[in-house]
Amino acid sequence: MDLQRLRTFREVARELSFTRAAHNLHYSQPTITAQIKGLEEAVGTQLFVRRGNRAVQLTSAGTRLCPYADRILDLVEAARTELHTGR
């Protein structure tokens, strides 16, 4: 699992919108879509249900992935902070 894809997943999950996630992360919408598709391929299941009017909803697998994504990304940030301040 790629960290950038997890960051993108977390933002889409928070916003429930690829468009708003793209804006928040300063990416194009196609980049967001490609990252989510790549993550879905990596985990072997669909993480979002695409609804009309650009809205998305988490699948049950997406809901289960959320706390793991948060923990992984929080641990990465904690490690970076520790390494930076521990010099």
N, C-alpha and C. Protein backbone atom coordinates (compact mmCIF):
# COMPACT_ATOMS: atom_id res chain seq x y z
N MET A 1 0.84 -1.18 0.00
CA MET A 1 0.00 0.00 0.00
C MET A 1 0.88 1.25 0.00
N ASP A 2 0.58 2.13 -0.85
CA ASP A 2 1.32 3.37 -1.02
C ASP A 2 0.77 4.44 -0.07
N LEU A 3 1.67 5.16 0.59
CA LEU A 3 1.24 6.18 1.56
C LEU A 3 0.44 7.30 0.89
N GLN A 4 0.85 7.71 -0.30
CA GLN A 4 0.12 8.78 -0.96
C GLN A 4 -1.31 8.35 -1.30
N ARG A 5 -1.45 7.11 -1.69
CA ARG A 5 -2.80 6.61 -1.97
C ARG A 5 -3.63 6.58 -0.70
N LEU A 6 -3.01 6.22 0.43
CA LEU A 6 -3.74 6.23 1.70
C LEU A 6 -4.14 7.65 2.09
N ARG A 7 -3.25 8.61 1.86
CA ARG A 7 -3.60 10.02 2.15
C ARG A 7 -4.78 10.47 1.30
N THR A 8 -4.73 10.10 0.04
CA THR A 8 -5.83 10.44 -0.87
C THR A 8 -7.11 9.76 -0.43
N PHE A 9 -7.03 8.48 -0.08
CA PHE A 9 -8.20 7.75 0.40
C PHE A 9 -8.79 8.45 1.62
N ARG A 10 -7.94 8.81 2.57
CA ARG A 10 -8.44 9.45 3.79
C ARG A 10 -9.15 10.77 3.47
N GLU A 11 -8.61 11.53 2.56
CA GLU A 11 -9.23 12.82 2.22
C GLU A 11 -10.57 12.62 1.49
N VAL A 12 -10.61 11.68 0.57
CA VAL A 12 -11.88 11.40 -0.11
C VAL A 12 -12.90 10.88 0.89
N ALA A 13 -12.47 10.02 1.81
CA ALA A 13 -13.38 9.49 2.83
C ALA A 13 -13.91 10.60 3.73
N ARG A 14 -13.07 11.56 4.06
CA ARG A 14 -13.52 12.68 4.91
C ARG A 14 -14.49 13.59 4.17
N GLU A 15 -14.19 13.86 2.92
CA GLU A 15 -14.99 14.80 2.13
C GLU A 15 -16.17 14.15 1.43
N LEU A 16 -16.07 12.84 1.21
CA LEU A 16 -17.06 12.10 0.41
C LEU A 16 -17.25 12.77 -0.95
N SER A 17 -16.13 13.22 -1.49
CA SER A 17 -16.13 13.90 -2.78
C SER A 17 -14.72 13.85 -3.37
N PHE A 18 -14.63 13.33 -4.60
CA PHE A 18 -13.33 13.34 -5.28
C PHE A 18 -12.93 14.77 -5.62
N THR A 19 -13.91 15.59 -5.99
CA THR A 19 -13.64 16.97 -6.38
C THR A 19 -13.08 17.78 -5.21
N ARG A 20 -13.73 17.71 -4.06
CA ARG A 20 -13.24 18.46 -2.89
C ARG A 20 -11.90 17.92 -2.41
N ALA A 21 -11.73 16.60 -2.46
CA ALA A 21 -10.44 16.02 -2.08
C ALA A 21 -9.34 16.52 -3.00
N ALA A 22 -9.62 16.55 -4.30
CA ALA A 22 -8.63 17.06 -5.26
C ALA A 22 -8.26 18.50 -4.95
N HIS A 23 -9.26 19.30 -4.66
CA HIS A 23 -9.00 20.71 -4.30
C HIS A 23 -8.16 20.80 -3.04
N ASN A 24 -8.52 20.07 -2.01
CA ASN A 24 -7.80 20.12 -0.73
C ASN A 24 -6.36 19.65 -0.85
N LEU A 25 -6.13 18.65 -1.69
CA LEU A 25 -4.79 18.08 -1.83
C LEU A 25 -3.99 18.73 -2.96
N HIS A 26 -4.62 19.67 -3.67
CA HIS A 26 -3.97 20.37 -4.79
C HIS A 26 -3.58 19.40 -5.90
N TYR A 27 -4.49 18.47 -6.19
CA TYR A 27 -4.32 17.52 -7.29
C TYR A 27 -5.44 17.74 -8.30
N SER A 28 -5.26 17.18 -9.47
CA SER A 28 -6.36 17.18 -10.43
C SER A 28 -7.31 16.03 -10.07
N GLN A 29 -8.54 16.17 -10.51
CA GLN A 29 -9.52 15.11 -10.25
C GLN A 29 -9.07 13.77 -10.85
N PRO A 30 -8.53 13.73 -12.08
CA PRO A 30 -8.08 12.45 -12.61
C PRO A 30 -6.98 11.79 -11.77
N THR A 31 -6.13 12.60 -11.14
CA THR A 31 -5.10 12.05 -10.26
C THR A 31 -5.74 11.38 -9.06
N ILE A 32 -6.74 12.01 -8.47
CA ILE A 32 -7.45 11.42 -7.33
C ILE A 32 -8.09 10.10 -7.74
N THR A 33 -8.77 10.12 -8.87
CA THR A 33 -9.43 8.92 -9.37
C THR A 33 -8.42 7.80 -9.59
N ALA A 34 -7.29 8.12 -10.20
CA ALA A 34 -6.26 7.10 -10.46
C ALA A 34 -5.69 6.55 -9.17
N GLN A 35 -5.47 7.40 -8.18
CA GLN A 35 -4.92 6.93 -6.91
C GLN A 35 -5.92 6.02 -6.20
N ILE A 36 -7.18 6.36 -6.21
CA ILE A 36 -8.19 5.52 -5.56
C ILE A 36 -8.32 4.19 -6.30
N LYS A 37 -8.33 4.23 -7.62
CA LYS A 37 -8.40 2.99 -8.39
C LYS A 37 -7.18 2.11 -8.11
N GLY A 38 -6.02 2.72 -8.01
CA GLY A 38 -4.81 1.97 -7.69
C GLY A 38 -4.88 1.33 -6.31
N LEU A 39 -5.40 2.06 -5.34
CA LEU A 39 -5.54 1.52 -3.99
C LEU A 39 -6.56 0.39 -3.98
N GLU A 40 -7.65 0.58 -4.69
CA GLU A 40 -8.68 -0.47 -4.77
C GLU A 40 -8.09 -1.74 -5.40
N GLU A 41 -7.25 -1.59 -6.40
CA GLU A 41 -6.59 -2.75 -7.00
C GLU A 41 -5.64 -3.40 -6.01
N ALA A 42 -4.92 -2.58 -5.25
CA ALA A 42 -3.96 -3.11 -4.29
C ALA A 42 -4.63 -3.90 -3.17
N VAL A 43 -5.78 -3.42 -2.71
CA VAL A 43 -6.48 -4.12 -1.61
C VAL A 43 -7.48 -5.14 -2.13
N GLY A 44 -7.76 -5.11 -3.42
CA GLY A 44 -8.61 -6.11 -4.02
C GLY A 44 -10.10 -5.95 -3.80
N THR A 45 -10.52 -4.73 -3.53
CA THR A 45 -11.95 -4.49 -3.34
C THR A 45 -12.28 -3.03 -3.57
N GLN A 46 -13.54 -2.78 -3.85
CA GLN A 46 -14.02 -1.41 -4.05
C GLN A 46 -14.14 -0.71 -2.70
N LEU A 47 -13.67 0.52 -2.63
CA LEU A 47 -13.69 1.29 -1.38
C LEU A 47 -14.77 2.36 -1.36
N PHE A 48 -15.22 2.77 -2.54
CA PHE A 48 -16.25 3.80 -2.65
C PHE A 48 -17.31 3.37 -3.65
N VAL A 49 -18.53 3.79 -3.38
CA VAL A 49 -19.62 3.67 -4.35
C VAL A 49 -19.77 5.05 -4.95
N ARG A 50 -19.66 5.13 -6.25
CA ARG A 50 -19.80 6.41 -6.94
C ARG A 50 -21.29 6.68 -7.12
N ARG A 51 -21.74 7.79 -6.61
CA ARG A 51 -23.14 8.20 -6.74
C ARG A 51 -23.25 9.27 -7.81
N GLY A 52 -24.45 9.59 -8.22
CA GLY A 52 -24.65 10.69 -9.15
C GLY A 52 -24.23 12.00 -8.49
N ASN A 53 -24.23 13.06 -9.24
CA ASN A 53 -23.86 14.42 -8.80
C ASN A 53 -22.54 14.48 -8.03
N ARG A 54 -21.58 13.66 -8.46
CA ARG A 54 -20.20 13.70 -7.96
C ARG A 54 -20.03 13.28 -6.50
N ALA A 55 -21.04 12.77 -5.87
CA ALA A 55 -20.93 12.31 -4.49
C ALA A 55 -20.48 10.85 -4.46
N VAL A 56 -19.77 10.50 -3.41
CA VAL A 56 -19.36 9.12 -3.21
C VAL A 56 -19.73 8.69 -1.79
N GLN A 57 -19.80 7.40 -1.62
CA GLN A 57 -20.11 6.83 -0.31
C GLN A 57 -19.12 5.70 -0.06
N LEU A 58 -18.67 5.55 1.17
CA LEU A 58 -17.77 4.46 1.50
C LEU A 58 -18.51 3.13 1.44
N THR A 59 -17.84 2.12 0.92
CA THR A 59 -18.36 0.76 1.02
C THR A 59 -18.05 0.26 2.42
N SER A 60 -18.52 -0.92 2.75
CA SER A 60 -18.18 -1.47 4.07
C SER A 60 -16.67 -1.69 4.17
N ALA A 61 -16.03 -2.10 3.09
CA ALA A 61 -14.58 -2.26 3.10
C ALA A 61 -13.89 -0.91 3.31
N GLY A 62 -14.39 0.13 2.65
CA GLY A 62 -13.83 1.47 2.83
C GLY A 62 -13.96 1.94 4.25
N THR A 63 -15.11 1.67 4.86
CA THR A 63 -15.33 2.04 6.26
C THR A 63 -14.35 1.31 7.17
N ARG A 64 -14.11 0.04 6.88
CA ARG A 64 -13.17 -0.74 7.70
C ARG A 64 -11.72 -0.28 7.51
N LEU A 65 -11.40 0.22 6.31
CA LEU A 65 -10.04 0.68 6.04
C LEU A 65 -9.73 2.00 6.73
N CYS A 66 -10.73 2.85 6.96
CA CYS A 66 -10.50 4.19 7.52
C CYS A 66 -9.64 4.20 8.79
N PRO A 67 -9.96 3.43 9.83
CA PRO A 67 -9.12 3.51 11.03
C PRO A 67 -7.69 3.03 10.80
N TYR A 68 -7.51 2.08 9.90
CA TYR A 68 -6.16 1.62 9.58
C TYR A 68 -5.38 2.70 8.86
N ALA A 69 -6.02 3.35 7.90
CA ALA A 69 -5.36 4.44 7.18
C ALA A 69 -4.97 5.55 8.15
N ASP A 70 -5.86 5.90 9.06
CA ASP A 70 -5.54 6.93 10.06
C ASP A 70 -4.35 6.51 10.91
N ARG A 71 -4.35 5.29 11.38
CA ARG A 71 -3.25 4.83 12.24
C ARG A 71 -1.93 4.79 11.49
N ILE A 72 -1.95 4.26 10.26
CA ILE A 72 -0.73 4.18 9.47
C ILE A 72 -0.16 5.57 9.23
N LEU A 73 -1.01 6.49 8.78
CA LEU A 73 -0.54 7.84 8.47
C LEU A 73 -0.12 8.59 9.73
N ASP A 74 -0.81 8.37 10.84
CA ASP A 74 -0.39 8.98 12.11
C ASP A 74 0.96 8.45 12.56
N LEU A 75 1.19 7.15 12.40
CA LEU A 75 2.48 6.56 12.77
C LEU A 75 3.62 7.10 11.91
N VAL A 76 3.37 7.26 10.62
CA VAL A 76 4.38 7.81 9.73
C VAL A 76 4.73 9.23 10.16
N GLU A 77 3.72 10.03 10.46
CA GLU A 77 3.96 11.40 10.90
C GLU A 77 4.70 11.42 12.24
N ALA A 78 4.33 10.55 13.16
CA ALA A 78 5.01 10.48 14.46
C ALA A 78 6.48 10.09 14.28
N ALA A 79 6.75 9.16 13.39
CA ALA A 79 8.13 8.75 13.12
C ALA A 79 8.93 9.90 12.53
N ARG A 80 8.33 10.62 11.59
CA ARG A 80 9.02 11.78 11.00
C ARG A 80 9.33 12.84 12.06
N THR A 81 8.34 13.10 12.89
CA THR A 81 8.53 14.09 13.96
C THR A 81 9.63 13.64 14.92
N GLU A 82 9.59 12.39 15.32
CA GLU A 82 10.59 11.85 16.24
C GLU A 82 12.00 11.92 15.64
N LEU A 83 12.12 11.55 14.40
CA LEU A 83 13.43 11.58 13.76
C LEU A 83 13.93 13.01 13.58
N HIS A 84 13.02 13.92 13.30
CA HIS A 84 13.42 15.31 13.10
C HIS A 84 13.82 15.97 14.42
N THR A 85 13.05 15.74 15.48
CA THR A 85 13.33 16.38 16.77
C THR A 85 14.36 15.61 17.59
N GLY A 86 14.63 14.38 17.24
CA GLY A 86 15.57 13.56 18.01
C GLY A 86 17.02 13.73 17.62
N ARG A 87 17.32 14.66 16.77
CA ARG A 87 18.72 14.85 16.32
C ARG A 87 19.57 15.44 17.39
